[in-house]
Every structure is written in structure tokens, then in C-alpha cells.
Amino acid sequence: MRLDITKDCALAVATILSLLGAAFVSTAPTQARDYRPALAAAAQYTYDPANEVDVELVLAVDISQSMDTEEQEIQRAGYVSALTSREFLDAIQVGPIGRVAVTYMEWGGVDEHFIVANWTIVQDAASASHFASKIAEAPLRQVQRTSIASALQKSVELVENNKYMGLRRVIDISGDGPNNQGGSVTEMRDRMIASGVTINGLPLMMKSNKNTWQAMLNLDHYYEDCVIGGPGSFAIPVRSKEGFADAIRMKLVLEIAGLHLNEPDPYFQRVSAREPVRCNLFD
């Protein structure tokens, strides 16, 4: 499912949050592949109720060479703004446990993974601000290749080897291009979903009017067909620098809330009839 950002993003977020007060809505089984909820801690950790969270969330952020310095700064600022927003904090508070575990990883080619902000429990404004400050203060990096496959594998490793016990486990992966290193992205996606995660996407299409190959690729379609998956998975394309912060904020609220809206909603657009993307075109 693709969610397109409009000028009414703030209203959309408010609508989503209003639904949270009544009850949590279980995610639909669409695209689920051997889903197993993460209800037990990793073997190397003993049980601690303080480590129970509503969501274990990996923010996997593209820093490949196609992302220029200005875009990286906008991307960082967008995550900082979203993570400290009232909408995000309200979504956390409505959860049954009232806290989430989050880590922020930047990625590029195979085995190029940089943990900018390690696993942190976010449950209020102070903890959110502390986590966001690590992202804001870290130096910018840039690498050459784009291995979505490797980033997905590393993200799941981070989930499986932390000490937290989440009711849900979500990988939030952003990028401005297709997988071009590290093997088949669809095969890796399916393997990772089988471990019990949901993969959501943030295709960055801010250069689509200037970058011919990106415009031809229809990156939002690529993410829909080749990258996202698992119960309730979705992608939000970002088509302008101005809409970046709104897109991330809405995406985080949806991920923390775990909502699935069954009926047509003005802010959601399901994939229209079209030819499927050739996912292995760049692998």
C-alpha cells in the first residue's frame, strides 16, 4: 500500500491519532510470510519487564552517493523533528505498554552500516529529545553503493540481537534508488519477513523531475513491489524537500500505532492496476 503526502498531512495525523483512543486495530495479514510475533527476548538476555515495549523500530536511512549534502541535512532534520513531535509522542502513550525501542542506522553498500543512535527506549519528550540529539549531532557520511538487501539483513540482526521484547518489530527503510549490490532484494525481503518483521518504505523521489533514471524507474512502485512486506506494510513516497518532515512524522505515527484502515481513506492510495516492477533489474 502506498500513502501519498498531501497538504493536509497534519489533519491526517490527527485523524489517525483520534482512532488510537478507542482501541488498537490489528494489522491485516496481507503479504504476511510465516509471521511470528516477537514475544520472547533473545537467548542471551534474561527476562526483564523494563525491556517490554510496544514496538522495536529500526530507522534505516540511505546515505549513498546520490544523496547530496543538502538532502542528507533535510533527511536528518526531518527525523529529528518527527521523533520529537507531539503526534509521535501521543502515539506512543496510547500503546498498551507506553514505550518503544528505537535505533537509527545509516547504510550504503554491502556491510556499510553505521549505528548513529543505538537502541533507546523512547516514552516521553525527554527520552525522545535525548535520542534525537544523537542523530542531530552525528557527522554526515556518504558512501557509493546502494544495497537495500544488506541493509534489510543488518536491520533484522539489530532486532534479533537487542535486549527488548516488542509486541511488533518494524524496519523503516528509506532510499532514493534501487538495490544495486548484495544479491536479490526480493529474496532477502522474503527471508527477513519470515523472521517476523514488517518492512515499511520511504522512497525518496525529490529528484524525479531532474533525474531521468529515477523518474523512469517509478521508485515508489519499486518499493511497493520489491522492498516492503509483512503485516500491514506500506510505503510513503517523498516528492519534495518541503514534504519530507511531514512524511516521516506520519510514517512514524502509523508504525507506532500499528493501524490498518480497512475502508478507503483520502490519505491512502492503493496500488492501481499496472505492470509489476522487474525487481531484479538492478540486482
Foldseek 3Di string as FASTA:
>chain_A
DEFEDDPCLVVVLVVLLVVLQPHFDAFDFPQQDQADFQADFAPVADDDVVQEAAEEEEEEEEQEPVQDPVNVLLLLVLVLCLLLDPSLLSLLCSDPVQKYWYWYWYAFAAPRIDTQAAIFIDRDNVSSNVRSVSSVPDDRDYHHHHALLNSLVVQLVSVRPDGHGHRAYEYEYEDADAHQHDDFQQVSQSVSSSVRHWYEYEHEAQCLVPDPVSVVQVVLLLCVQRNTGGGNYYYYYHHHSVCSSSRVNSVSSCVSSNHDDDDDDPRDDDDDDDDHHPRVPND
